[in-house]
N, C-alpha and C. Protein backbone atom coordinates (compact mmCIF):
# COMPACT_ATOMS: atom_id res chain seq x y z
N MET A 1 4.52 20.07 -1.65
CA MET A 1 4.30 19.90 -3.05
C MET A 1 5.05 18.65 -3.51
N LEU A 2 4.39 17.83 -4.29
CA LEU A 2 5.03 16.64 -4.85
C LEU A 2 5.51 16.97 -6.26
N MET A 3 6.78 16.71 -6.52
CA MET A 3 7.35 17.05 -7.83
C MET A 3 7.84 15.79 -8.53
N ASP A 4 7.89 15.84 -9.85
CA ASP A 4 8.36 14.73 -10.69
C ASP A 4 7.57 13.45 -10.44
N GLN A 5 6.28 13.62 -10.28
CA GLN A 5 5.38 12.51 -10.03
C GLN A 5 5.15 11.75 -11.33
N LYS A 6 5.23 10.44 -11.30
CA LYS A 6 5.00 9.62 -12.49
C LYS A 6 3.71 8.85 -12.31
N GLY A 7 2.61 9.41 -12.80
CA GLY A 7 1.31 8.76 -12.67
C GLY A 7 0.51 9.35 -11.51
N GLY A 8 -0.72 8.93 -11.38
CA GLY A 8 -1.59 9.44 -10.33
C GLY A 8 -1.40 8.72 -9.02
N LEU A 9 -1.95 9.29 -7.97
CA LEU A 9 -1.90 8.68 -6.64
C LEU A 9 -3.29 8.15 -6.29
N LYS A 10 -3.33 6.98 -5.69
CA LYS A 10 -4.60 6.37 -5.32
C LYS A 10 -4.62 6.13 -3.81
N PRO A 11 -5.80 6.26 -3.18
CA PRO A 11 -5.89 6.00 -1.74
C PRO A 11 -5.34 4.62 -1.39
N GLY A 12 -4.53 4.57 -0.33
CA GLY A 12 -3.93 3.33 0.12
C GLY A 12 -2.54 3.09 -0.45
N GLN A 13 -2.18 3.83 -1.48
CA GLN A 13 -0.85 3.69 -2.09
C GLN A 13 0.21 4.26 -1.16
N GLU A 14 1.36 3.60 -1.08
CA GLU A 14 2.46 4.09 -0.25
C GLU A 14 3.66 4.36 -1.16
N PHE A 15 4.40 5.43 -0.85
CA PHE A 15 5.57 5.77 -1.65
C PHE A 15 6.60 6.46 -0.75
N PRO A 16 7.89 6.42 -1.14
CA PRO A 16 8.91 7.10 -0.35
C PRO A 16 8.85 8.60 -0.60
N LEU A 17 8.96 9.38 0.46
CA LEU A 17 8.90 10.83 0.37
C LEU A 17 10.19 11.40 0.95
N ALA A 18 10.93 12.15 0.15
CA ALA A 18 12.19 12.75 0.60
C ALA A 18 11.89 14.15 1.12
N VAL A 19 12.23 14.41 2.37
CA VAL A 19 12.03 15.70 3.01
C VAL A 19 13.42 16.30 3.24
N THR A 20 13.64 17.52 2.72
CA THR A 20 14.95 18.16 2.84
C THR A 20 14.88 19.31 3.82
N PHE A 21 15.76 19.27 4.82
CA PHE A 21 15.85 20.32 5.83
C PHE A 21 17.10 21.15 5.57
N GLY A 22 17.02 22.44 5.84
CA GLY A 22 18.12 23.34 5.57
C GLY A 22 19.43 22.95 6.22
N ARG A 23 19.39 22.55 7.47
CA ARG A 23 20.63 22.21 8.19
C ARG A 23 20.82 20.72 8.42
N ALA A 24 19.74 19.98 8.47
CA ALA A 24 19.83 18.56 8.82
C ALA A 24 19.96 17.64 7.60
N GLY A 25 19.80 18.16 6.41
CA GLY A 25 19.92 17.33 5.22
C GLY A 25 18.59 16.71 4.82
N THR A 26 18.66 15.60 4.08
CA THR A 26 17.47 14.95 3.53
C THR A 26 17.15 13.68 4.30
N LEU A 27 15.86 13.47 4.54
CA LEU A 27 15.38 12.29 5.24
C LEU A 27 14.29 11.68 4.37
N GLU A 28 14.36 10.38 4.13
CA GLU A 28 13.33 9.70 3.34
C GLU A 28 12.40 8.96 4.29
N VAL A 29 11.10 9.24 4.16
CA VAL A 29 10.08 8.63 5.02
C VAL A 29 8.99 8.03 4.15
N PRO A 30 8.32 6.98 4.63
CA PRO A 30 7.20 6.43 3.86
C PRO A 30 5.98 7.34 4.00
N ALA A 31 5.26 7.53 2.90
CA ALA A 31 4.04 8.35 2.91
C ALA A 31 2.90 7.51 2.35
N MET A 32 1.73 7.59 2.99
CA MET A 32 0.56 6.85 2.53
C MET A 32 -0.48 7.85 2.01
N VAL A 33 -1.06 7.53 0.86
CA VAL A 33 -2.08 8.39 0.26
C VAL A 33 -3.40 8.12 0.97
N GLY A 34 -4.02 9.20 1.45
CA GLY A 34 -5.31 9.08 2.12
C GLY A 34 -6.46 9.43 1.20
N LYS A 35 -7.65 9.22 1.67
CA LYS A 35 -8.86 9.54 0.91
C LYS A 35 -9.01 11.06 0.83
N SER A 36 -9.41 11.55 -0.32
CA SER A 36 -9.63 12.98 -0.50
C SER A 36 -10.82 13.41 0.37
N SER A 37 -10.66 14.53 1.07
CA SER A 37 -11.75 14.99 1.93
C SER A 37 -11.88 16.52 1.81
N ALA A 38 -12.03 16.98 0.60
CA ALA A 38 -12.17 18.42 0.38
C ALA A 38 -13.41 18.93 1.10
N MET A 39 -13.27 20.09 1.72
CA MET A 39 -14.39 20.68 2.46
C MET A 39 -15.06 21.75 1.62
N ARG A 40 -16.35 21.88 1.82
CA ARG A 40 -17.10 22.94 1.13
C ARG A 40 -16.83 24.26 1.80
N PRO A 41 -16.81 25.36 1.01
CA PRO A 41 -16.68 26.68 1.65
C PRO A 41 -17.90 26.98 2.50
N LYS A 42 -17.70 27.68 3.61
CA LYS A 42 -18.83 28.01 4.50
C LYS A 42 -19.54 29.24 4.04
């Protein structure tokens, strides 16, 4: 879940993503927004 988002996300946009682990602490990694590919229910 992305929290405290300021504005929308567009395909190709890159932003820093902070991932917090219970024992290892927080790691910041680059994240790239991909094209939406919602699937139809079968």
